[in-house]
Amino acid sequence: MMAVSTPYVTTGRTDQKRRTRDALVAAARELVASGVSPTVEEVAQRAAISRTTAYRYFPNQRSLLVAAHPEVGASSLLPPEPPDEPAERLDAVIATFTRLILDTEPQQRTMLRLSLDPDPAERGSLPLRQGRGVAWIAEALEPLSGDLTSDELRTLALAIRSATGIEALVWLTDVGGLTRDAAVELMRWSAQSLLHAALTSSSPPLDGPGG
């Protein structure tokens, strides 16, 4: 039976080790926010921690950059007293979502680059691949459960997510030449247009036979 390795931070002087790890992650986030993808050595120097110690926590640059990605623990992006109307709920979520993307754009771009790794096993563990954006959008669309099937709602949420987020921001600004403010407004418009199309013209296309 294969032995399961124990994370270094969970053994021995755990409080001190967590402080050290937190210092490394904080230093990495500062460097990423400045527009660079730091190496483990660069982060160790920034945090005033030895390179050898840093590698005990993060054996490579990828593991460090993943840990440095902004943590968004929110299970919902709706306001405390969300509106009942689906379009208003959706716009509130997309407005918060796009603001989050802009506030952490350098980190989001780094995670987007890592998500293009050809190895599915490497991609799957990334925060960008966890589907949180789809879940937030799906919650905004919940009042439509009487008008669309669960499969249709899921497909609509996927369509809206594909037109928002860091991927859309990068394309709209880097390729499309829009300002960030204009890109945000276009993403909000796209979300509303997809919702309107699903409700007035045709239901979202579904994957699979008969869908």
C-alpha atoms as a PDB file:
ATOM      1  CA  MET A   1       0.000   0.000   0.000  1.00  0.00           C
ATOM      2  CA  MET A   2       1.412   3.355  -1.008  1.00  0.00           C
ATOM      3  CA  ALA A   3       2.309   5.666   1.873  1.00  0.00           C
ATOM      4  CA  VAL A   4       0.489   8.989   1.925  1.00  0.00           C
ATOM      5  CA  SER A   5       2.806  11.940   2.408  1.00  0.00           C
ATOM      6  CA  THR A   6       1.938  14.398   5.172  1.00  0.00           C
ATOM      7  CA  PRO A   7       2.025  18.107   4.288  1.00  0.00           C
ATOM      8  CA  TYR A   8       5.033  19.757   5.893  1.00  0.00           C
ATOM      9  CA  VAL A   9       2.935  22.546   7.422  1.00  0.00           C
ATOM     10  CA  THR A  10       0.749  20.101   9.408  1.00  0.00           C
ATOM     11  CA  THR A  11       3.600  18.488  11.361  1.00  0.00           C
ATOM     12  CA  GLY A  12       5.698  19.733  14.267  1.00  0.00           C
ATOM     13  CA  ARG A  13       5.519  23.399  15.163  1.00  0.00           C
ATOM     14  CA  THR A  14       2.327  23.997  13.233  1.00  0.00           C
ATOM     15  CA  ASP A  15       1.656  27.590  14.380  1.00  0.00           C
ATOM     16  CA  GLN A  16       5.092  28.750  13.344  1.00  0.00           C
ATOM     17  CA  LYS A  17       4.868  26.848  10.074  1.00  0.00           C
ATOM     18  CA  ARG A  18       1.502  28.383   9.233  1.00  0.00           C
ATOM     19  CA  ARG A  19       2.953  31.849   9.886  1.00  0.00           C
ATOM     20  CA  THR A  20       5.838  31.061   7.581  1.00  0.00           C
ATOM     21  CA  ARG A  21       3.529  29.749   4.882  1.00  0.00           C
ATOM     22  CA  ASP A  22       1.251  32.785   5.242  1.00  0.00           C
ATOM     23  CA  ALA A  23       4.277  35.069   4.854  1.00  0.00           C
ATOM     24  CA  LEU A  24       5.296  33.296   1.667  1.00  0.00           C
ATOM     25  CA  VAL A  25       1.784  33.456   0.232  1.00  0.00           C
ATOM     26  CA  ALA A  26       1.466  37.147   1.130  1.00  0.00           C
ATOM     27  CA  ALA A  27       4.801  37.908  -0.553  1.00  0.00           C
ATOM     28  CA  ALA A  28       3.747  35.945  -3.628  1.00  0.00           C
ATOM     29  CA  ARG A  29       0.462  37.837  -3.858  1.00  0.00           C
ATOM     30  CA  GLU A  30       2.279  41.157  -3.634  1.00  0.00           C
ATOM     31  CA  LEU A  31       4.631  40.191  -6.447  1.00  0.00           C
ATOM     32  CA  VAL A  32       1.868  38.782  -8.640  1.00  0.00           C
ATOM     33  CA  ALA A  33      -0.192  41.929  -8.083  1.00  0.00           C
ATOM     34  CA  SER A  34       2.753  43.946  -9.375  1.00  0.00           C
ATOM     35  CA  GLY A  35       2.527  42.077 -12.673  1.00  0.00           C
ATOM     36  CA  VAL A  36       5.151  39.347 -12.371  1.00  0.00           C
ATOM     37  CA  SER A  37       5.036  35.585 -11.945  1.00  0.00           C
ATOM     38  CA  PRO A  38       7.612  35.129  -9.186  1.00  0.00           C
ATOM     39  CA  THR A  39       9.771  32.089  -8.639  1.00  0.00           C
ATOM     40  CA  VAL A  40       9.972  30.366  -5.272  1.00  0.00           C
ATOM     41  CA  GLU A  41      13.389  31.984  -4.776  1.00  0.00           C
ATOM     42  CA  GLU A  42      12.050  35.485  -5.477  1.00  0.00           C
ATOM     43  CA  VAL A  43       9.190  35.017  -3.041  1.00  0.00           C
ATOM     44  CA  ALA A  44      11.524  33.670  -0.375  1.00  0.00           C
ATOM     45  CA  GLN A  45      13.720  36.733  -0.736  1.00  0.00           C
ATOM     46  CA  ARG A  46      10.720  39.055  -0.559  1.00  0.00           C
ATOM     47  CA  ALA A  47       9.476  37.331   2.612  1.00  0.00           C
ATOM     48  CA  ALA A  48      12.966  37.235   4.156  1.00  0.00           C
ATOM     49  CA  ILE A  49      12.775  33.444   4.391  1.00  0.00           C
ATOM     50  CA  SER A  50      15.511  31.076   3.296  1.00  0.00           C
ATOM     51  CA  ARG A  51      15.156  29.426  -0.092  1.00  0.00           C
ATOM     52  CA  THR A  52      15.511  25.984   1.458  1.00  0.00           C
ATOM     53  CA  THR A  53      12.656  26.669   3.869  1.00  0.00           C
ATOM     54  CA  ALA A  54      10.453  28.069   1.105  1.00  0.00           C
ATOM     55  CA  TYR A  55      10.841  24.913  -0.962  1.00  0.00           C
ATOM     56  CA  ARG A  56       9.606  22.825   1.965  1.00  0.00           C
ATOM     57  CA  TYR A  57       6.252  24.595   1.631  1.00  0.00           C
ATOM     58  CA  PHE A  58       6.160  25.027  -2.144  1.00  0.00           C
ATOM     59  CA  PRO A  59       8.223  22.555  -4.159  1.00  0.00           C
ATOM     60  CA  ASN A  60       7.752  24.486  -7.390  1.00  0.00           C
ATOM     61  CA  GLN A  61       6.525  27.775  -8.819  1.00  0.00           C
ATOM     62  CA  ARG A  62       3.163  26.364  -9.861  1.00  0.00           C
ATOM     63  CA  SER A  63       2.175  25.260  -6.351  1.00  0.00           C
ATOM     64  CA  LEU A  64       3.172  28.680  -5.054  1.00  0.00           C
ATOM     65  CA  LEU A  65       1.171  30.602  -7.659  1.00  0.00           C
ATOM     66  CA  VAL A  66      -1.912  28.461  -7.043  1.00  0.00           C
ATOM     67  CA  ALA A  67      -1.679  29.220  -3.305  1.00  0.00           C
ATOM     68  CA  ALA A  68      -1.288  32.926  -4.084  1.00  0.00           C
ATOM     69  CA  HIS A  69      -4.547  33.106  -6.021  1.00  0.00           C
ATOM     70  CA  PRO A  70      -7.073  35.330  -4.187  1.00  0.00           C
ATOM     71  CA  GLU A  71      -9.384  33.238  -2.052  1.00  0.00           C
ATOM     72  CA  VAL A  72     -13.064  33.914  -2.603  1.00  0.00           C
ATOM     73  CA  GLY A  73     -14.983  32.036   0.018  1.00  0.00           C
ATOM     74  CA  ALA A  74     -18.314  33.625  -0.819  1.00  0.00           C
ATOM     75  CA  SER A  75     -20.980  31.082  -1.675  1.00  0.00           C
ATOM     76  CA  SER A  76     -23.108  33.879  -3.163  1.00  0.00           C
ATOM     77  CA  LEU A  77     -22.519  37.202  -4.920  1.00  0.00           C
ATOM     78  CA  LEU A  78     -26.085  38.402  -4.409  1.00  0.00           C
ATOM     79  CA  PRO A  79     -26.659  41.426  -2.147  1.00  0.00           C
ATOM     80  CA  PRO A  80     -28.054  40.827   1.388  1.00  0.00           C
ATOM     81  CA  GLU A  81     -31.604  41.554   0.182  1.00  0.00           C
ATOM     82  CA  PRO A  82     -31.555  40.326  -3.419  1.00  0.00           C
ATOM     83  CA  PRO A  83     -34.213  41.469  -5.893  1.00  0.00           C
ATOM     84  CA  ASP A  84     -36.824  39.009  -7.108  1.00  0.00           C
ATOM     85  CA  GLU A  85     -36.597  39.915 -10.786  1.00  0.00           C
ATOM     86  CA  PRO A  86     -34.110  37.608 -12.607  1.00  0.00           C
ATOM     87  CA  ALA A  87     -32.552  40.329 -14.754  1.00  0.00           C
ATOM     88  CA  GLU A  88     -31.847  42.492 -11.709  1.00  0.00           C
ATOM     89  CA  ARG A  89     -30.446  39.535  -9.766  1.00  0.00           C
ATOM     90  CA  LEU A  90     -28.205  38.589 -12.675  1.00  0.00           C
ATOM     91  CA  ASP A  91     -26.913  42.125 -13.147  1.00  0.00           C
ATOM     92  CA  ALA A  92     -26.098  42.399  -9.437  1.00  0.00           C
ATOM     93  CA  VAL A  93     -24.074  39.182  -9.593  1.00  0.00           C
ATOM     94  CA  ILE A  94     -22.253  40.099 -12.806  1.00  0.00           C
ATOM     95  CA  ALA A  95     -21.445  43.580 -11.452  1.00  0.00           C
ATOM     96  CA  THR A  96     -19.874  42.070  -8.328  1.00  0.00           C
ATOM     97  CA  PHE A  97     -18.148  39.321 -10.312  1.00  0.00           C
ATOM     98  CA  THR A  98     -16.552  41.729 -12.783  1.00  0.00           C
ATOM     99  CA  ARG A  99     -15.458  44.042  -9.967  1.00  0.00           C
ATOM    100  CA  LEU A 100     -13.775  41.083  -8.282  1.00  0.00           C
ATOM    101  CA  ILE A 101     -11.984  40.230 -11.527  1.00  0.00           C
ATOM    102  CA  LEU A 102     -10.753  43.803 -11.987  1.00  0.00           C
ATOM    103  CA  ASP A 103      -9.593  44.100  -8.382  1.00  0.00           C
ATOM    104  CA  THR A 104      -7.455  40.957  -8.742  1.00  0.00           C
ATOM    105  CA  GLU A 105      -6.669  41.098 -12.455  1.00  0.00           C
ATOM    106  CA  PRO A 106      -2.908  40.272 -12.274  1.00  0.00           C
ATOM    107  CA  GLN A 107      -3.613  37.218 -10.128  1.00  0.00           C
ATOM    108  CA  GLN A 108      -6.510  36.197 -12.371  1.00  0.00           C
ATOM    109  CA  ARG A 109      -4.305  36.458 -15.453  1.00  0.00           C
ATOM    110  CA  THR A 110      -1.694  34.271 -13.803  1.00  0.00           C
ATOM    111  CA  MET A 111      -4.314  31.653 -12.980  1.00  0.00           C
ATOM    112  CA  LEU A 112      -5.661  31.817 -16.530  1.00  0.00           C
ATOM    113  CA  ARG A 113      -2.184  31.108 -17.876  1.00  0.00           C
ATOM    114  CA  LEU A 114      -1.808  28.131 -15.542  1.00  0.00           C
ATOM    115  CA  SER A 115      -5.236  26.823 -16.560  1.00  0.00           C
ATOM    116  CA  LEU A 116      -3.970  26.330 -20.121  1.00  0.00           C
ATOM    117  CA  ASP A 117      -1.652  23.536 -18.985  1.00  0.00           C
ATOM    118  CA  PRO A 118      -2.113  20.595 -21.394  1.00  0.00           C
ATOM    119  CA  ASP A 119      -2.219  18.104 -18.506  1.00  0.00           C
ATOM    120  CA  PRO A 120      -5.869  17.713 -17.339  1.00  0.00           C
ATOM    121  CA  ALA A 121      -4.698  16.625 -13.893  1.00  0.00           C
ATOM    122  CA  GLU A 122      -2.776  19.867 -13.485  1.00  0.00           C
ATOM    123  CA  ARG A 123      -5.660  22.017 -14.735  1.00  0.00           C
ATOM    124  CA  GLY A 124      -8.360  20.386 -12.647  1.00  0.00           C
ATOM    125  CA  SER A 125      -7.073  21.543  -9.258  1.00  0.00           C
ATOM    126  CA  LEU A 126      -6.958  25.230 -10.160  1.00  0.00           C
ATOM    127  CA  PRO A 127      -9.447  27.705  -8.614  1.00  0.00           C
ATOM    128  CA  LEU A 128     -10.394  28.896 -12.102  1.00  0.00           C
ATOM    129  CA  ARG A 129     -11.565  25.366 -12.917  1.00  0.00           C
ATOM    130  CA  GLN A 130     -13.826  24.932  -9.879  1.00  0.00           C
ATOM    131  CA  GLY A 131     -16.944  26.436 -11.475  1.00  0.00           C
ATOM    132  CA  ARG A 132     -17.638  29.015  -8.775  1.00  0.00           C
ATOM    133  CA  GLY A 133     -18.647  31.629 -11.341  1.00  0.00           C
ATOM    134  CA  VAL A 134     -21.223  29.277 -12.851  1.00  0.00           C
ATOM    135  CA  ALA A 135     -22.658  28.562  -9.393  1.00  0.00           C
ATOM    136  CA  TRP A 136     -22.982  32.274  -8.599  1.00  0.00           C
ATOM    137  CA  ILE A 137     -24.758  32.906 -11.902  1.00  0.00           C
ATOM    138  CA  ALA A 138     -26.999  29.869 -11.463  1.00  0.00           C
ATOM    139  CA  GLU A 139     -28.139  31.221  -8.097  1.00  0.00           C
ATOM    140  CA  ALA A 140     -29.117  34.497  -9.751  1.00  0.00           C
ATOM    141  CA  LEU A 141     -31.231  32.547 -12.241  1.00  0.00           C
ATOM    142  CA  GLU A 142     -33.073  30.449  -9.632  1.00  0.00           C
ATOM    143  CA  PRO A 143     -36.387  32.380  -9.999  1.00  0.00           C
ATOM    144  CA  LEU A 144     -36.566  31.018 -13.565  1.00  0.00           C
ATOM    145  CA  SER A 145     -36.901  27.423 -12.383  1.00  0.00           C
ATOM    146  CA  GLY A 146     -40.573  27.486 -13.341  1.00  0.00           C
ATOM    147  CA  ASP A 147     -39.835  28.698 -16.859  1.00  0.00           C
ATOM    148  CA  LEU A 148     -36.724  26.710 -17.791  1.00  0.00           C
ATOM    149  CA  THR A 149     -35.708  23.156 -17.006  1.00  0.00           C
ATOM    150  CA  SER A 150     -32.709  22.487 -14.780  1.00  0.00           C
ATOM    151  CA  ASP A 151     -30.673  21.533 -17.862  1.00  0.00           C
ATOM    152  CA  GLU A 152     -31.686  24.735 -19.625  1.00  0.00           C
ATOM    153  CA  LEU A 153     -30.785  26.814 -16.582  1.00  0.00           C
ATOM    154  CA  ARG A 154     -27.405  25.110 -16.335  1.00  0.00           C
ATOM    155  CA  THR A 155     -26.718  25.737 -20.015  1.00  0.00           C
ATOM    156  CA  LEU A 156     -27.768  29.368 -19.700  1.00  0.00           C
ATOM    157  CA  ALA A 157     -25.458  29.842 -16.712  1.00  0.00           C
ATOM    158  CA  LEU A 158     -22.595  28.326 -18.718  1.00  0.00           C
ATOM    159  CA  ALA A 159     -23.319  30.632 -21.650  1.00  0.00           C
ATOM    160  CA  ILE A 160     -23.328  33.705 -19.416  1.00  0.00           C
ATOM    161  CA  ARG A 161     -20.128  32.598 -17.686  1.00  0.00           C
ATOM    162  CA  SER A 162     -18.443  32.163 -21.069  1.00  0.00           C
ATOM    163  CA  ALA A 163     -19.147  35.838 -21.813  1.00  0.00           C
ATOM    164  CA  THR A 164     -17.841  37.128 -18.484  1.00  0.00           C
ATOM    165  CA  GLY A 165     -14.861  36.612 -16.182  1.00  0.00           C
ATOM    166  CA  ILE A 166     -11.131  36.926 -16.743  1.00  0.00           C
ATOM    167  CA  GLU A 167     -11.196  35.101 -20.076  1.00  0.00           C
ATOM    168  CA  ALA A 168     -13.654  37.614 -21.553  1.00  0.00           C
ATOM    169  CA  LEU A 169     -11.836  40.556 -19.964  1.00  0.00           C
ATOM    170  CA  VAL A 170      -8.512  39.515 -21.496  1.00  0.00           C
ATOM    171  CA  TRP A 171     -10.035  39.122 -24.954  1.00  0.00           C
ATOM    172  CA  LEU A 172     -12.033  42.354 -24.832  1.00  0.00           C
ATOM    173  CA  THR A 173      -9.107  44.459 -23.621  1.00  0.00           C
ATOM    174  CA  ASP A 174      -6.077  42.793 -25.210  1.00  0.00           C
ATOM    175  CA  VAL A 175      -7.647  41.789 -28.524  1.00  0.00           C
ATOM    176  CA  GLY A 176     -10.761  43.946 -28.765  1.00  0.00           C
ATOM    177  CA  GLY A 177      -8.975  47.076 -27.582  1.00  0.00           C
ATOM    178  CA  LEU A 178     -11.680  48.124 -25.119  1.00  0.00           C
ATOM    179  CA  THR A 179     -10.997  49.961 -21.900  1.00  0.00           C
ATOM    180  CA  ARG A 180     -11.656  47.961 -18.765  1.00  0.00           C
ATOM    181  CA  ASP A 181     -14.747  50.021 -17.984  1.00  0.00           C
ATOM    182  CA  ALA A 182     -16.106  49.430 -21.482  1.00  0.00           C
ATOM    183  CA  ALA A 183     -15.303  45.722 -21.210  1.00  0.00           C
ATOM    184  CA  VAL A 184     -17.243  45.468 -17.961  1.00  0.00           C
ATOM    185  CA  GLU A 185     -20.253  47.202 -19.470  1.00  0.00           C
ATOM    186  CA  LEU A 186     -20.154  44.870 -22.473  1.00  0.00           C
ATOM    187  CA  MET A 187     -19.983  41.806 -20.228  1.00  0.00           C
ATOM    188  CA  ARG A 188     -23.027  43.027 -18.292  1.00  0.00           C
ATOM    189  CA  TRP A 189     -24.856  43.683 -21.569  1.00  0.00           C
ATOM    190  CA  SER A 190     -23.931  40.240 -22.887  1.00  0.00           C
ATOM    191  CA  ALA A 191     -25.287  38.589 -19.751  1.00  0.00           C
ATOM    192  CA  GLN A 192     -28.598  40.399 -20.093  1.00  0.00           C
ATOM    193  CA  SER A 193     -28.787  39.644 -23.816  1.00  0.00           C
ATOM    194  CA  LEU A 194     -28.287  35.923 -23.232  1.00  0.00           C
ATOM    195  CA  LEU A 195     -30.956  35.943 -20.541  1.00  0.00           C
ATOM    196  CA  HIS A 196     -33.367  37.818 -22.822  1.00  0.00           C
ATOM    197  CA  ALA A 197     -32.711  35.402 -25.691  1.00  0.00           C
ATOM    198  CA  ALA A 198     -33.369  32.381 -23.485  1.00  0.00           C
ATOM    199  CA  LEU A 199     -36.695  33.795 -22.338  1.00  0.00           C
ATOM    200  CA  THR A 200     -38.056  35.333 -25.531  1.00  0.00           C
ATOM    201  CA  SER A 201     -36.664  33.554 -28.577  1.00  0.00           C
ATOM    202  CA  SER A 202     -35.531  30.039 -27.812  1.00  0.00           C
ATOM    203  CA  SER A 203     -34.294  27.955 -24.925  1.00  0.00           C
ATOM    204  CA  PRO A 204     -30.531  27.407 -24.673  1.00  0.00           C
ATOM    205  CA  PRO A 205     -29.201  24.534 -26.815  1.00  0.00           C
ATOM    206  CA  LEU A 206     -28.602  21.394 -24.782  1.00  0.00           C
ATOM    207  CA  ASP A 207     -25.849  18.836 -25.208  1.00  0.00           C
ATOM    208  CA  GLY A 208     -26.888  15.297 -26.045  1.00  0.00           C
ATOM    209  CA  PRO A 209     -29.610  13.501 -28.041  1.00  0.00           C
ATOM    210  CA  GLY A 210     -32.933  15.239 -28.015  1.00  0.00           C
ATOM    211  CA  GLY A 211     -31.424  18.204 -26.185  1.00  0.00           C
END
